[in-house]
């Protein structure tokens, strides 16, 4: 399978329905499920410009698997002075369990390592998403904190595992 990441543009919102119209995909993310394409467009227009151009900001990027939209990923600048960004990714359900997240995580880490201002990468995963937090641990992230009910979204309350990768 060929996997690529490319810069996302506003026009790409029309291709993201498999992610943002699926409750199961966005359930344990900070994203919400959208009911209409027009709502997704408004959100995505704002989202692609958050922290744009900042030194430790990467993405959002489209994840392509064999030229099909598989998801989104990036790193959001958290603290320029400390050199910290938060890594994130979300995959459409048909692409789960295919090694795509492993590949994307490695790519994003390589980008961060090439930035002399970046000192560490922060990541979060809900405790029930074992695949996600095991992926982080396999990539060298260290568990730094567990927050009881640290993830709250609607009626969902989950323990949150917080990770750091020192560069």
C-alpha atoms as a PDB file:
ATOM      1  CA  UNK A   1       0.000   0.000   0.000  1.00  0.00           C
ATOM      2  CA  UNK A   2       1.340   3.436  -0.920  1.00  0.00           C
ATOM      3  CA  UNK A   3       0.862   5.998   1.869  1.00  0.00           C
ATOM      4  CA  UNK A   4       1.385   9.726   1.401  1.00  0.00           C
ATOM      5  CA  UNK A   5       0.672  12.869   3.348  1.00  0.00           C
ATOM      6  CA  UNK A   6      -0.136  16.097   1.520  1.00  0.00           C
ATOM      7  CA  UNK A   7      -1.173  19.548   2.662  1.00  0.00           C
ATOM      8  CA  UNK A   8      -4.912  19.822   3.151  1.00  0.00           C
ATOM      9  CA  UNK A   9      -6.791  22.624   1.390  1.00  0.00           C
ATOM     10  CA  UNK A  10     -10.282  24.010   1.888  1.00  0.00           C
ATOM     11  CA  UNK A  11     -11.512  22.125  -1.189  1.00  0.00           C
ATOM     12  CA  UNK A  12     -10.610  18.851   0.539  1.00  0.00           C
ATOM     13  CA  UNK A  13     -13.556  19.182   2.947  1.00  0.00           C
ATOM     14  CA  UNK A  14     -15.723  17.492   0.318  1.00  0.00           C
ATOM     15  CA  UNK A  15     -13.541  14.358   0.558  1.00  0.00           C
ATOM     16  CA  UNK A  16     -13.663  13.973   4.337  1.00  0.00           C
ATOM     17  CA  UNK A  17     -17.152  12.591   4.879  1.00  0.00           C
ATOM     18  CA  UNK A  18     -15.862   9.112   5.784  1.00  0.00           C
ATOM     19  CA  UNK A  19     -14.196  10.715   8.787  1.00  0.00           C
ATOM     20  CA  UNK A  20     -16.434  13.532   9.934  1.00  0.00           C
ATOM     21  CA  UNK A  21     -19.834  11.964   9.206  1.00  0.00           C
ATOM     22  CA  UNK A  22     -18.960   8.811  11.187  1.00  0.00           C
ATOM     23  CA  UNK A  23     -19.541   8.934  14.958  1.00  0.00           C
ATOM     24  CA  UNK A  24     -17.348   5.891  15.597  1.00  0.00           C
ATOM     25  CA  UNK A  25     -14.362   7.519  13.868  1.00  0.00           C
ATOM     26  CA  UNK A  26     -14.527  10.817  15.792  1.00  0.00           C
ATOM     27  CA  UNK A  27     -15.851   9.366  19.061  1.00  0.00           C
ATOM     28  CA  UNK A  28     -12.591   9.555  21.030  1.00  0.00           C
ATOM     29  CA  UNK A  29     -11.109  12.587  19.271  1.00  0.00           C
ATOM     30  CA  UNK A  30     -11.532  16.311  19.819  1.00  0.00           C
ATOM     31  CA  UNK A  31     -13.383  16.395  16.502  1.00  0.00           C
ATOM     32  CA  UNK A  32     -17.155  16.218  16.276  1.00  0.00           C
ATOM     33  CA  UNK A  33     -19.484  14.399  13.921  1.00  0.00           C
ATOM     34  CA  UNK A  34     -21.010  16.660  11.303  1.00  0.00           C
ATOM     35  CA  UNK A  35     -24.427  16.135   9.782  1.00  0.00           C
ATOM     36  CA  UNK A  36     -24.088  18.365   6.730  1.00  0.00           C
ATOM     37  CA  UNK A  37     -21.335  19.109   4.243  1.00  0.00           C
ATOM     38  CA  UNK A  38     -21.914  22.857   4.772  1.00  0.00           C
ATOM     39  CA  UNK A  39     -21.136  22.487   8.511  1.00  0.00           C
ATOM     40  CA  UNK A  40     -17.977  20.544   7.742  1.00  0.00           C
ATOM     41  CA  UNK A  41     -16.867  23.225   5.270  1.00  0.00           C
ATOM     42  CA  UNK A  42     -17.232  26.004   7.865  1.00  0.00           C
ATOM     43  CA  UNK A  43     -15.291  23.977  10.435  1.00  0.00           C
ATOM     44  CA  UNK A  44     -12.559  22.968   7.996  1.00  0.00           C
ATOM     45  CA  UNK A  45     -12.125  26.540   6.768  1.00  0.00           C
ATOM     46  CA  UNK A  46     -11.244  27.573  10.327  1.00  0.00           C
ATOM     47  CA  UNK A  47      -9.312  24.396  11.124  1.00  0.00           C
ATOM     48  CA  UNK A  48      -6.804  24.639   8.268  1.00  0.00           C
ATOM     49  CA  UNK A  49      -5.817  28.139   9.430  1.00  0.00           C
ATOM     50  CA  UNK A  50      -5.345  27.440  13.163  1.00  0.00           C
ATOM     51  CA  UNK A  51      -1.736  28.303  14.025  1.00  0.00           C
ATOM     52  CA  UNK A  52      -0.880  28.359  10.293  1.00  0.00           C
ATOM     53  CA  UNK A  53       2.686  29.464   9.735  1.00  0.00           C
ATOM     54  CA  UNK A  54       3.794  29.000  13.344  1.00  0.00           C
ATOM     55  CA  UNK A  55       7.217  27.447  13.850  1.00  0.00           C
ATOM     56  CA  UNK A  56       6.047  24.182  15.420  1.00  0.00           C
ATOM     57  CA  UNK A  57       2.786  23.748  13.498  1.00  0.00           C
ATOM     58  CA  UNK A  58       2.522  20.935  10.948  1.00  0.00           C
ATOM     59  CA  UNK A  59      -0.553  20.320   8.845  1.00  0.00           C
ATOM     60  CA  UNK A  60      -3.296  19.562   8.682  1.00  0.00           C
ATOM     61  CA  UNK A  61      -2.278  16.933   6.169  1.00  0.00           C
ATOM     62  CA  UNK A  62      -4.458  14.556   4.216  1.00  0.00           C
ATOM     63  CA  UNK A  63      -3.444  10.937   4.609  1.00  0.00           C
ATOM     64  CA  UNK A  64      -3.667   9.118   1.290  1.00  0.00           C
ATOM     65  CA  UNK A  65      -3.580   5.321   1.018  1.00  0.00           C
ATOM     66  CA  UNK A  66      -3.307   4.158  -2.575  1.00  0.00           C
ATOM     67  CA  UNK A  67      -4.529   7.635  -3.604  1.00  0.00           C
ATOM     68  CA  UNK A  68      -7.696   7.379  -1.451  1.00  0.00           C
ATOM     69  CA  UNK A  69      -8.412   9.709   1.474  1.00  0.00           C
ATOM     70  CA  UNK A  70      -7.637   7.666   4.578  1.00  0.00           C
ATOM     71  CA  UNK A  71      -7.526  10.417   7.196  1.00  0.00           C
ATOM     72  CA  UNK A  72      -5.996  13.589   8.543  1.00  0.00           C
ATOM     73  CA  UNK A  73      -2.929  14.216  10.676  1.00  0.00           C
ATOM     74  CA  UNK A  74      -0.639  16.923  11.925  1.00  0.00           C
ATOM     75  CA  UNK A  75       1.062  18.513  14.890  1.00  0.00           C
ATOM     76  CA  UNK A  76      -0.331  21.505  16.728  1.00  0.00           C
ATOM     77  CA  UNK A  77       2.070  23.949  18.322  1.00  0.00           C
ATOM     78  CA  UNK A  78       1.499  23.947  22.091  1.00  0.00           C
ATOM     79  CA  UNK A  79       4.419  25.963  23.449  1.00  0.00           C
ATOM     80  CA  UNK A  80       6.993  27.650  21.222  1.00  0.00           C
ATOM     81  CA  UNK A  81       9.216  28.665  24.142  1.00  0.00           C
ATOM     82  CA  UNK A  82       9.475  25.057  25.376  1.00  0.00           C
ATOM     83  CA  UNK A  83       9.515  23.643  21.837  1.00  0.00           C
ATOM     84  CA  UNK A  84       6.443  21.409  22.232  1.00  0.00           C
ATOM     85  CA  UNK A  85       3.796  20.345  19.712  1.00  0.00           C
ATOM     86  CA  UNK A  86       0.955  17.843  20.046  1.00  0.00           C
ATOM     87  CA  UNK A  87       0.798  15.088  17.457  1.00  0.00           C
ATOM     88  CA  UNK A  88      -2.622  13.931  16.225  1.00  0.00           C
ATOM     89  CA  UNK A  89      -4.155  11.740  13.579  1.00  0.00           C
ATOM     90  CA  UNK A  90      -7.575  10.396  12.680  1.00  0.00           C
ATOM     91  CA  UNK A  91      -8.245   7.596  10.192  1.00  0.00           C
ATOM     92  CA  UNK A  92     -11.429   6.595   8.405  1.00  0.00           C
ATOM     93  CA  UNK A  93     -12.660   3.226   9.680  1.00  0.00           C
ATOM     94  CA  UNK A  94     -11.826   1.153   6.548  1.00  0.00           C
ATOM     95  CA  UNK A  95      -8.154   2.057   7.094  1.00  0.00           C
ATOM     96  CA  UNK A  96      -7.862   0.963  10.742  1.00  0.00           C
ATOM     97  CA  UNK A  97      -5.407  -1.846  11.497  1.00  0.00           C
ATOM     98  CA  UNK A  98      -3.452  -1.556   8.240  1.00  0.00           C
ATOM     99  CA  UNK A  99      -0.244   0.039   9.582  1.00  0.00           C
ATOM    100  CA  UNK A 100      -1.117   3.491   8.267  1.00  0.00           C
ATOM    101  CA  UNK A 101      -1.012   5.177  11.689  1.00  0.00           C
ATOM    102  CA  UNK A 102       2.433   3.641  12.332  1.00  0.00           C
ATOM    103  CA  UNK A 103       3.732   5.045   9.041  1.00  0.00           C
ATOM    104  CA  UNK A 104       2.186   8.482   9.639  1.00  0.00           C
ATOM    105  CA  UNK A 105       3.523   8.687  13.184  1.00  0.00           C
ATOM    106  CA  UNK A 106       7.047   7.959  11.924  1.00  0.00           C
ATOM    107  CA  UNK A 107       6.715  10.596   9.201  1.00  0.00           C
ATOM    108  CA  UNK A 108       5.528  13.269  11.627  1.00  0.00           C
ATOM    109  CA  UNK A 109       8.290  12.419  14.119  1.00  0.00           C
ATOM    110  CA  UNK A 110      10.885  12.765  11.335  1.00  0.00           C
ATOM    111  CA  UNK A 111       9.481  16.216  10.487  1.00  0.00           C
ATOM    112  CA  UNK A 112       9.705  17.244  14.134  1.00  0.00           C
ATOM    113  CA  UNK A 113      13.262  15.938  14.464  1.00  0.00           C
ATOM    114  CA  UNK A 114      14.351  18.141  11.558  1.00  0.00           C
ATOM    115  CA  UNK A 115      13.059  21.281  13.316  1.00  0.00           C
ATOM    116  CA  UNK A 116      15.746  22.736  15.623  1.00  0.00           C
ATOM    117  CA  UNK A 117      13.047  24.530  17.655  1.00  0.00           C
ATOM    118  CA  UNK A 118      11.242  21.283  18.502  1.00  0.00           C
ATOM    119  CA  UNK A 119      12.273  19.685  21.811  1.00  0.00           C
ATOM    120  CA  UNK A 120       9.433  17.251  22.426  1.00  0.00           C
ATOM    121  CA  UNK A 121       6.158  15.933  21.075  1.00  0.00           C
ATOM    122  CA  UNK A 122       3.090  15.519  23.265  1.00  0.00           C
ATOM    123  CA  UNK A 123       0.315  13.000  22.558  1.00  0.00           C
ATOM    124  CA  UNK A 124      -2.895  11.779  24.177  1.00  0.00           C
ATOM    125  CA  UNK A 125      -4.925   8.592  23.862  1.00  0.00           C
ATOM    126  CA  UNK A 126      -7.988   7.421  25.760  1.00  0.00           C
ATOM    127  CA  UNK A 127      -7.320   4.361  27.903  1.00  0.00           C
ATOM    128  CA  UNK A 128      -9.837   2.228  26.025  1.00  0.00           C
ATOM    129  CA  UNK A 129      -8.065   2.844  22.690  1.00  0.00           C
ATOM    130  CA  UNK A 130      -5.310   0.339  23.345  1.00  0.00           C
ATOM    131  CA  UNK A 131      -4.163   0.301  19.714  1.00  0.00           C
ATOM    132  CA  UNK A 132      -3.472   4.029  19.816  1.00  0.00           C
ATOM    133  CA  UNK A 133      -1.543   4.159  23.073  1.00  0.00           C
ATOM    134  CA  UNK A 134       0.413   1.013  22.209  1.00  0.00           C
ATOM    135  CA  UNK A 135       1.385   2.646  18.919  1.00  0.00           C
ATOM    136  CA  UNK A 136       2.693   5.680  20.818  1.00  0.00           C
ATOM    137  CA  UNK A 137       4.685   3.483  23.186  1.00  0.00           C
ATOM    138  CA  UNK A 138       6.126   1.466  20.297  1.00  0.00           C
ATOM    139  CA  UNK A 139       7.234   4.738  18.658  1.00  0.00           C
ATOM    140  CA  UNK A 140       9.198   5.687  21.791  1.00  0.00           C
ATOM    141  CA  UNK A 141       6.699   7.904  23.604  1.00  0.00           C
ATOM    142  CA  UNK A 142       6.806   7.759  27.402  1.00  0.00           C
ATOM    143  CA  UNK A 143       3.673   7.786  29.530  1.00  0.00           C
ATOM    144  CA  UNK A 144       3.899  10.935  31.667  1.00  0.00           C
ATOM    145  CA  UNK A 145       0.431  11.102  33.199  1.00  0.00           C
ATOM    146  CA  UNK A 146      -2.898   9.318  33.445  1.00  0.00           C
ATOM    147  CA  UNK A 147      -5.879  11.597  33.964  1.00  0.00           C
ATOM    148  CA  UNK A 148      -8.978  10.007  35.448  1.00  0.00           C
ATOM    149  CA  UNK A 149     -11.936  11.107  33.297  1.00  0.00           C
ATOM    150  CA  UNK A 150      -9.480  13.344  31.441  1.00  0.00           C
ATOM    151  CA  UNK A 151     -11.413  12.983  28.210  1.00  0.00           C
ATOM    152  CA  UNK A 152     -14.977  14.287  28.364  1.00  0.00           C
ATOM    153  CA  UNK A 153     -17.123  14.644  25.259  1.00  0.00           C
ATOM    154  CA  UNK A 154     -20.885  14.670  25.564  1.00  0.00           C
ATOM    155  CA  UNK A 155     -21.847  11.619  27.634  1.00  0.00           C
ATOM    156  CA  UNK A 156     -18.388  10.033  27.205  1.00  0.00           C
ATOM    157  CA  UNK A 157     -15.971  10.088  30.128  1.00  0.00           C
ATOM    158  CA  UNK A 158     -12.714   8.227  29.634  1.00  0.00           C
ATOM    159  CA  UNK A 159      -9.385   8.065  31.351  1.00  0.00           C
ATOM    160  CA  UNK A 160      -6.718   9.827  29.322  1.00  0.00           C
ATOM    161  CA  UNK A 161      -3.149   8.664  28.851  1.00  0.00           C
ATOM    162  CA  UNK A 162      -0.675  11.507  28.222  1.00  0.00           C
ATOM    163  CA  UNK A 163       2.631  10.850  26.471  1.00  0.00           C
ATOM    164  CA  UNK A 164       5.834  12.655  25.599  1.00  0.00           C
ATOM    165  CA  UNK A 165       8.599  11.960  23.129  1.00  0.00           C
ATOM    166  CA  UNK A 166      11.791  13.881  23.833  1.00  0.00           C
ATOM    167  CA  UNK A 167      13.743  14.740  20.699  1.00  0.00           C
END
